[in-house]
Amino acid sequence: MAIECARCKAQSANGRKFCGECGNPLDAASPAFKDLASPVLRDQVHEIIEQHYKDQKVVEIETTQAIASRLLDWAKLLAFFVGIPITVLLLILGVFGIKTYNDFSTQVDKAKADVAAAELAATSLKSRTASIDSDYQKLSAKISDTRTTLEEQVTTLSARVDVIGEKVGFTPTSKISKETKLRLEDAFSRFRDYVKGLGYRSAAGSTFSVDVREQMSGGAPAYYDPDKRKLIIGKEYVGDLTILDRAYMLQVLSSSSPDLSLLDYSAIYSGLATYFSYSFADNPRPNNPNSWDLTRKRPFTDIKSTDNSVSNDGTEIWGSAFWEPRTMLGQNVADKLLLDAWFGLHAEQVRADRGVSFVRKLIDLDKAHEAEISAVFAQRGLSL
């Protein structure tokens, strides 16, 4: 038996569940389903579905619009914070004349050119610096060589000036041979070098003359005139070089302008001149009748307040007192010590103590040998 489709009224074979024309279900067991399948109900269902999709699209559109609005707000905020620095940067660039990308490129190229020029200038400066350093080294070497040459010239000139400043000459009345004069000049030169080694420097332009006489008044073999800077010596004593050396030493010691009117001071003066001439000869007792014996240990009480006693006794007593430290300290140390003490002494210091102040000068200059120096003079009756 055929079944009629409720929708299209088409006839379908019994047993089929759906219409062959429109696909509508053919099962008529459920009245509710038939009611549901009615065209009115279907139209309502379709309307509800369409309305549902329509509302869904509205929500999607509104959501999309909200998202777009939010993104736009964020973009505006970002543009605000980014735009201000960019605007400031553009204004700054505008101040420097950069208004377009082309201007910026031009400035970059110019900066590159300036950097290249600076590098070239630095390279040139480095080259010039190296050249200047090389010139400096050459100039420094030249100055060093010049300085050495000048020092040598000064040394030579100093030696010449010293020779000129300390010249021995013989008076026209000196009746001696040329050979004798040369021998005396040579002896004087060697003794002068010895005194120079002790630290003494003569005044430029000074002269020292020797007057050799056939006869000497008063019986003295020789004497020294400090006012005329002249040694007067008997012809028969010309061979005794210690006399010439002693006379020169008298003028060396007189360069401190001594007050020889003070007898004790004069005795030290004469004793030192004798000591230095004997020390240079390395002989405390020269073998001639007019010499002093510096090996004798005579007391200071033997010196009387007379010119003759000062000249003879004072010379030997002080000279021997100076010789004894020489045996303890050595020639160089003792000789320099005595010369330094003399030039540090004032005549007025000796007036009241008879020479103790001179011994104190020696001790001040050589504290290490205070006991030995004090003992030398104490043995002769001069206690500190």
Protein backbone atom coordinates (compact mmCIF):
# COMPACT_ATOMS: atom_id res chain seq x y z
CA MET A 1 0.00 0.00 0.00
CA ALA A 2 1.45 3.46 -0.94
CA ILE A 3 2.08 6.20 1.58
CA GLU A 4 1.26 9.82 0.74
CA CYS A 5 3.83 12.48 1.67
CA ALA A 6 2.33 15.06 3.99
CA ARG A 7 4.36 17.84 2.41
CA CYS A 8 4.42 17.31 -1.34
CA LYS A 9 1.52 14.78 -1.55
CA ALA A 10 3.76 12.43 -3.55
CA GLN A 11 3.12 8.66 -3.29
CA SER A 12 5.94 6.53 -1.81
CA ALA A 13 6.18 2.73 -1.42
CA ASN A 14 5.16 1.21 1.84
CA GLY A 15 8.04 0.65 4.22
CA ARG A 16 10.04 3.74 3.22
CA LYS A 17 10.81 6.21 5.94
CA PHE A 18 11.41 9.33 3.80
CA CYS A 19 9.70 10.88 0.74
CA GLY A 20 11.53 10.24 -2.46
CA GLU A 21 10.62 13.72 -3.74
CA CYS A 22 11.27 16.08 -0.91
CA GLY A 23 12.92 13.90 1.70
CA ASN A 24 10.19 14.54 4.25
CA PRO A 25 9.79 11.74 6.87
CA LEU A 26 6.97 9.29 6.00
CA ASP A 27 6.59 7.82 9.49
CA ALA A 28 3.08 8.75 10.57
CA ALA A 29 3.33 7.08 13.98
CA SER A 30 3.99 10.35 15.83
CA PRO A 31 1.33 12.98 15.59
CA ALA A 32 3.65 15.44 17.31
CA PHE A 33 6.20 14.95 14.59
CA LYS A 34 3.55 15.57 11.98
CA ASP A 35 2.62 18.76 13.70
CA LEU A 36 6.24 19.73 13.85
CA ALA A 37 6.69 19.03 10.20
CA SER A 38 3.88 21.33 9.19
CA PRO A 39 4.93 24.22 6.98
CA VAL A 40 3.97 26.84 9.54
CA LEU A 41 6.08 25.23 12.18
CA ARG A 42 8.97 24.92 9.84
CA ASP A 43 8.73 28.55 8.93
CA GLN A 44 8.78 29.48 12.60
CA VAL A 45 11.82 27.30 13.19
CA HIS A 46 13.59 28.85 10.23
CA GLU A 47 12.73 32.32 11.49
CA ILE A 48 14.06 31.49 14.94
CA ILE A 49 17.30 30.11 13.50
CA GLU A 50 17.77 33.10 11.23
CA GLN A 51 17.12 35.44 14.15
CA HIS A 52 19.64 33.51 16.20
CA TYR A 53 22.36 33.81 13.55
CA LYS A 54 21.43 37.41 13.02
CA ASP A 55 21.94 38.20 16.73
CA GLN A 56 25.19 36.25 16.70
CA LYS A 57 26.47 38.32 13.76
CA VAL A 58 25.48 41.50 15.55
CA VAL A 59 27.45 40.42 18.62
CA GLU A 60 30.46 39.52 16.46
CA ILE A 61 30.26 42.89 14.66
CA GLU A 62 29.94 44.77 17.92
CA THR A 63 32.82 42.80 19.42
CA THR A 64 34.94 43.50 16.37
CA GLN A 65 34.07 47.18 16.55
CA ALA A 66 34.94 47.29 20.27
CA ILE A 67 38.27 45.61 19.61
CA ALA A 68 38.99 47.96 16.72
CA SER A 69 38.06 50.95 18.91
CA ARG A 70 40.34 49.74 21.71
CA LEU A 71 43.19 49.17 19.29
CA LEU A 72 42.64 52.62 17.84
CA ASP A 73 42.80 54.19 21.33
CA TRP A 74 46.01 52.33 22.05
CA ALA A 75 47.44 53.44 18.75
CA LYS A 76 46.60 57.06 19.56
CA LEU A 77 48.24 56.75 23.00
CA LEU A 78 51.32 55.16 21.50
CA ALA A 79 51.44 57.82 18.81
CA PHE A 80 51.26 60.50 21.52
CA PHE A 81 54.24 59.20 23.50
CA VAL A 82 56.27 58.31 20.41
CA GLY A 83 55.27 61.40 18.50
CA ILE A 84 56.50 63.90 21.12
CA PRO A 85 60.18 62.72 21.03
CA ILE A 86 60.00 62.42 17.26
CA THR A 87 58.54 65.92 17.04
CA VAL A 88 61.29 67.27 19.35
CA LEU A 89 63.91 65.44 17.30
CA LEU A 90 62.47 66.91 14.10
CA LEU A 91 62.47 70.38 15.64
CA ILE A 92 66.11 69.97 16.70
CA LEU A 93 67.05 68.71 13.28
CA GLY A 94 65.17 71.65 11.80
CA VAL A 95 67.24 74.05 13.89
CA PHE A 96 70.33 72.52 12.34
CA GLY A 97 68.83 72.85 8.87
CA ILE A 98 67.75 69.21 8.48
CA LYS A 99 64.18 69.17 7.19
CA THR A 100 64.20 66.29 4.77
CA TYR A 101 65.84 62.91 4.45
CA ASN A 102 68.08 64.39 1.80
CA ASP A 103 69.25 67.03 4.29
CA PHE A 104 69.96 64.27 6.80
CA SER A 105 71.96 62.29 4.24
CA THR A 106 73.90 65.43 3.36
CA GLN A 107 74.78 66.02 7.01
CA VAL A 108 75.84 62.39 7.46
CA ASP A 109 78.10 62.63 4.41
CA LYS A 110 79.53 65.88 5.72
CA ALA A 111 80.18 64.31 9.14
CA LYS A 112 81.96 61.39 7.44
CA ALA A 113 84.07 63.86 5.50
CA ASP A 114 84.92 65.75 8.74
CA VAL A 115 85.89 62.50 10.47
CA ALA A 116 88.10 61.55 7.53
CA ALA A 117 89.70 65.01 7.62
CA ALA A 118 90.25 64.69 11.38
CA GLU A 119 91.86 61.27 10.93
CA LEU A 120 94.13 62.71 8.25
CA ALA A 121 95.05 65.64 10.51
CA ALA A 122 95.74 63.22 13.40
CA THR A 123 97.98 61.14 11.16
CA SER A 124 99.81 64.28 10.05
CA LEU A 125 100.13 65.44 13.68
CA LYS A 126 101.47 62.06 14.71
CA SER A 127 104.04 62.24 11.93
CA ARG A 128 105.03 65.76 12.96
CA THR A 129 105.24 64.67 16.62
CA ALA A 130 107.57 61.84 15.68
CA SER A 131 109.66 64.30 13.68
CA ILE A 132 109.75 66.75 16.59
CA ASP A 133 110.72 63.95 19.00
CA SER A 134 113.53 62.94 16.68
CA ASP A 135 114.71 66.55 16.44
CA TYR A 136 114.50 66.83 20.24
CA GLN A 137 116.65 63.73 20.69
CA LYS A 138 119.21 65.13 18.27
CA LEU A 139 119.14 68.53 20.01
CA SER A 140 119.45 66.88 23.43
CA ALA A 141 122.47 64.90 22.25
CA LYS A 142 123.97 68.05 20.78
CA ILE A 143 123.39 69.99 24.01
CA SER A 144 124.97 67.14 26.00
CA ASP A 145 128.02 67.19 23.73
CA THR A 146 128.17 70.99 23.98
CA ARG A 147 127.88 70.82 27.76
CA THR A 148 130.72 68.31 27.93
CA THR A 149 132.84 70.52 25.71
CA LEU A 150 132.02 73.60 27.81
CA GLU A 151 132.85 71.75 31.02
CA GLU A 152 136.19 70.75 29.57
CA GLN A 153 136.82 74.33 28.45
CA VAL A 154 135.82 75.68 31.87
CA THR A 155 138.14 73.18 33.55
CA THR A 156 140.97 74.18 31.25
CA LEU A 157 140.22 77.88 31.71
CA SER A 158 140.01 77.44 35.47
CA ALA A 159 143.38 75.79 35.48
CA ARG A 160 144.80 78.61 33.37
CA VAL A 161 143.28 81.25 35.61
CA ASP A 162 144.69 79.48 38.66
CA VAL A 163 148.11 79.41 37.08
CA ILE A 164 147.82 83.09 36.20
CA GLY A 165 146.41 83.91 39.62
CA GLU A 166 149.26 82.26 41.53
CA LYS A 167 152.48 83.21 39.85
CA VAL A 168 155.94 83.20 41.30
CA GLY A 169 158.39 85.80 40.07
CA PHE A 170 161.92 86.82 40.89
CA THR A 171 162.93 90.38 41.52
CA PRO A 172 165.41 91.98 39.08
CA THR A 173 168.00 92.09 41.86
CA SER A 174 167.92 88.32 42.34
CA LYS A 175 171.33 87.11 41.14
CA ILE A 176 170.63 83.48 40.32
CA SER A 177 170.99 81.39 37.21
CA LYS A 178 168.21 80.57 34.81
CA GLU A 179 168.48 76.89 35.80
CA THR A 180 167.98 77.77 39.47
CA LYS A 181 164.97 79.90 38.64
CA LEU A 182 163.39 77.05 36.66
CA ARG A 183 164.05 74.61 39.51
CA LEU A 184 162.47 76.95 42.06
CA GLU A 185 159.48 77.62 39.81
CA ASP A 186 158.92 73.89 39.38
CA ALA A 187 159.19 73.32 43.15
CA PHE A 188 156.75 76.16 43.78
CA SER A 189 154.28 74.70 41.23
CA ARG A 190 154.30 71.28 42.92
CA PHE A 191 153.80 72.74 46.39
CA ARG A 192 151.01 74.98 45.11
CA ASP A 193 149.21 71.90 43.70
CA TYR A 194 149.56 70.22 47.09
CA VAL A 195 147.94 73.18 48.88
CA LYS A 196 145.24 73.34 46.21
CA GLY A 197 144.45 69.70 46.97
CA LEU A 198 143.69 70.72 50.56
CA GLY A 199 140.91 73.00 49.28
CA TYR A 200 142.69 76.34 49.04
CA ARG A 201 142.03 78.58 46.01
CA SER A 202 144.16 81.64 45.36
CA ALA A 203 142.76 84.98 44.26
CA ALA A 204 142.92 85.74 40.52
CA GLY A 205 145.73 88.10 39.61
CA SER A 206 147.78 87.49 42.77
CA THR A 207 151.57 87.31 42.54
CA PHE A 208 154.25 85.96 44.80
CA SER A 209 157.75 87.27 44.37
CA VAL A 210 161.10 85.97 45.55
CA ASP A 211 163.97 88.29 46.28
CA VAL A 212 167.30 86.43 46.46
CA ARG A 213 169.93 88.48 48.28
CA GLU A 214 173.65 88.08 48.60
CA GLN A 215 173.55 88.95 52.30
CA MET A 216 170.78 88.76 54.89
CA SER A 217 170.54 91.19 57.80
CA GLY A 218 169.85 89.79 61.28
CA GLY A 219 171.22 86.37 60.55
CA ALA A 220 167.86 84.88 59.46
CA PRO A 221 168.08 82.63 56.38
CA ALA A 222 164.79 84.01 55.03
CA TYR A 223 161.65 85.91 55.99
CA TYR A 224 158.30 86.75 54.45
CA ASP A 225 156.94 90.29 53.95
CA PRO A 226 153.11 89.93 53.93
CA ASP A 227 152.52 93.55 52.87
CA LYS A 228 154.57 93.09 49.70
CA ARG A 229 153.83 89.39 49.33
CA LYS A 230 157.52 88.81 48.99
CA LEU A 231 159.95 86.14 50.23
CA ILE A 232 163.40 87.49 51.01
CA ILE A 233 165.91 84.64 51.10
CA GLY A 234 169.70 84.45 51.34
CA LYS A 235 171.43 83.12 48.27
CA GLU A 236 173.12 80.36 50.24
CA TYR A 237 169.68 78.97 51.31
CA VAL A 238 168.12 78.84 47.85
CA GLY A 239 168.71 75.10 47.72
CA ASP A 240 166.44 74.54 50.77
CA LEU A 241 162.98 74.16 49.20
CA THR A 242 161.23 73.97 52.59
CA ILE A 243 162.08 77.65 53.06
CA LEU A 244 160.37 78.57 49.79
CA ASP A 245 157.37 76.36 50.63
CA ARG A 246 157.09 77.83 54.13
CA ALA A 247 157.15 81.36 52.73
CA TYR A 248 154.35 80.52 50.28
CA MET A 249 152.37 78.90 53.10
CA LEU A 250 152.70 82.08 55.15
CA GLN A 251 151.02 84.06 52.37
CA VAL A 252 148.30 81.37 52.03
CA LEU A 253 147.51 81.57 55.76
CA SER A 254 147.62 85.37 55.69
CA SER A 255 144.69 85.39 53.20
CA SER A 256 142.42 85.29 56.27
CA SER A 257 143.89 88.69 57.31
CA PRO A 258 145.39 87.49 60.62
CA ASP A 259 146.21 89.92 63.43
CA LEU A 260 149.84 88.94 63.94
CA SER A 261 150.22 91.47 66.73
CA LEU A 262 148.68 88.84 69.01
CA LEU A 263 151.67 86.70 69.95
CA ASP A 264 149.84 83.42 70.62
CA TYR A 265 147.94 83.78 67.36
CA SER A 266 151.20 84.56 65.55
CA ALA A 267 152.81 81.43 67.05
CA ILE A 268 150.02 79.23 65.64
CA TYR A 269 150.39 81.00 62.28
CA SER A 270 154.16 80.35 62.13
CA GLY A 271 153.82 76.79 63.43
CA LEU A 272 151.25 75.93 60.75
CA ALA A 273 153.38 77.36 57.91
CA THR A 274 156.33 75.28 59.09
CA TYR A 275 154.20 72.16 59.56
CA PHE A 276 152.72 72.29 56.04
CA SER A 277 156.12 72.75 54.36
CA TYR A 278 157.55 69.82 56.38
CA SER A 279 154.46 67.67 55.79
CA PHE A 280 154.79 68.18 52.02
CA ALA A 281 158.45 67.08 52.28
CA ASP A 282 157.30 64.22 54.54
CA ASN A 283 160.12 65.06 56.93
CA PRO A 284 159.56 66.43 60.46
CA ARG A 285 163.25 67.26 60.88
CA PRO A 286 164.99 68.53 57.72
CA ASN A 287 168.74 68.14 57.78
CA ASN A 288 169.89 71.76 57.91
CA PRO A 289 171.04 74.01 60.78
CA ASN A 290 168.18 76.51 60.35
CA SER A 291 165.26 74.11 60.53
CA TRP A 292 162.97 73.20 63.41
CA ASP A 293 162.61 69.72 64.90
CA LEU A 294 158.93 68.73 64.94
CA THR A 295 159.63 65.44 66.73
CA ARG A 296 160.36 67.20 70.04
CA LYS A 297 157.56 67.35 72.64
CA ARG A 298 158.22 70.67 74.30
CA PRO A 299 155.67 72.25 76.67
CA PHE A 300 153.72 75.39 75.73
CA THR A 301 155.19 77.11 78.78
CA ASP A 302 158.48 77.43 76.81
CA ILE A 303 156.83 80.09 74.64
CA LYS A 304 157.58 83.51 76.10
CA SER A 305 155.84 86.77 75.34
CA THR A 306 158.55 87.99 72.98
CA ASP A 307 158.73 88.12 69.21
CA ASN A 308 161.90 86.01 69.20
CA SER A 309 160.38 83.28 71.39
CA VAL A 310 157.17 83.23 69.36
CA SER A 311 159.16 82.98 66.12
CA ASN A 312 161.44 80.19 67.33
CA ASP A 313 159.93 78.37 70.32
CA GLY A 314 156.32 78.92 69.29
CA THR A 315 156.96 77.67 65.74
CA GLU A 316 158.58 74.45 66.92
CA ILE A 317 156.15 73.70 69.80
CA TRP A 318 152.98 74.28 67.78
CA GLY A 319 154.51 72.58 64.71
CA SER A 320 155.36 69.44 66.70
CA ALA A 321 151.87 69.41 68.27
CA PHE A 322 150.43 69.43 64.72
CA TRP A 323 152.76 66.66 63.55
CA GLU A 324 151.64 64.14 66.14
CA PRO A 325 147.98 63.95 64.92
CA ARG A 326 149.44 63.46 61.42
CA THR A 327 150.94 60.15 62.57
CA MET A 328 147.52 59.05 63.86
CA LEU A 329 145.18 60.35 61.14
CA GLY A 330 147.42 60.31 58.08
CA GLN A 331 148.78 63.24 56.06
CA ASN A 332 145.73 64.04 53.91
CA VAL A 333 143.22 64.00 56.77
CA ALA A 334 145.44 65.89 59.24
CA ASP A 335 146.56 68.55 56.73
CA LYS A 336 143.02 69.36 55.57
CA LEU A 337 141.77 69.36 59.17
CA LEU A 338 144.42 71.89 60.23
CA LEU A 339 143.82 74.19 57.24
CA ASP A 340 140.02 74.17 57.75
CA ALA A 341 140.43 74.91 61.48
CA TRP A 342 142.72 77.86 60.73
CA PHE A 343 140.30 79.52 58.32
CA GLY A 344 137.52 79.04 60.90
CA LEU A 345 139.53 80.75 63.66
CA HIS A 346 139.42 84.43 64.68
CA ALA A 347 142.38 86.16 66.35
CA GLU A 348 140.27 87.49 69.21
CA GLN A 349 139.37 83.93 70.21
CA VAL A 350 143.04 83.19 70.93
CA ARG A 351 143.71 86.37 72.91
CA ALA A 352 142.35 85.01 76.21
CA ASP A 353 142.96 81.25 75.96
CA ARG A 354 146.46 81.08 74.37
CA GLY A 355 145.33 78.75 71.59
CA VAL A 356 142.76 76.51 73.30
CA SER A 357 140.07 77.80 70.90
CA PHE A 358 142.12 76.48 67.94
CA VAL A 359 142.27 73.01 69.49
CA ARG A 360 138.51 73.13 70.01
CA LYS A 361 138.12 73.95 66.30
CA LEU A 362 140.07 70.80 65.48
CA ILE A 363 137.85 68.70 67.73
CA ASP A 364 134.65 70.22 66.31
CA LEU A 365 135.81 69.17 62.85
CA ASP A 366 136.80 65.64 63.96
CA LYS A 367 134.64 64.46 66.86
CA ALA A 368 135.72 60.86 66.23
CA HIS A 369 139.27 61.63 67.46
CA GLU A 370 138.45 64.07 70.24
CA ALA A 371 140.23 62.05 72.92
CA GLU A 372 143.44 61.61 70.89
CA ILE A 373 143.62 65.29 69.84
CA SER A 374 142.95 66.49 73.40
CA ALA A 375 145.68 64.18 74.74
CA VAL A 376 148.29 65.55 72.30
CA PHE A 377 147.90 69.11 73.56
CA ALA A 378 147.36 68.12 77.21
CA GLN A 379 150.76 66.37 77.20
CA ARG A 380 152.29 69.73 76.30
CA GLY A 381 150.44 71.57 79.04
CA LEU A 382 147.49 72.97 77.03
CA SER A 383 144.38 71.50 78.67
CA LEU A 384 140.88 72.07 77.41
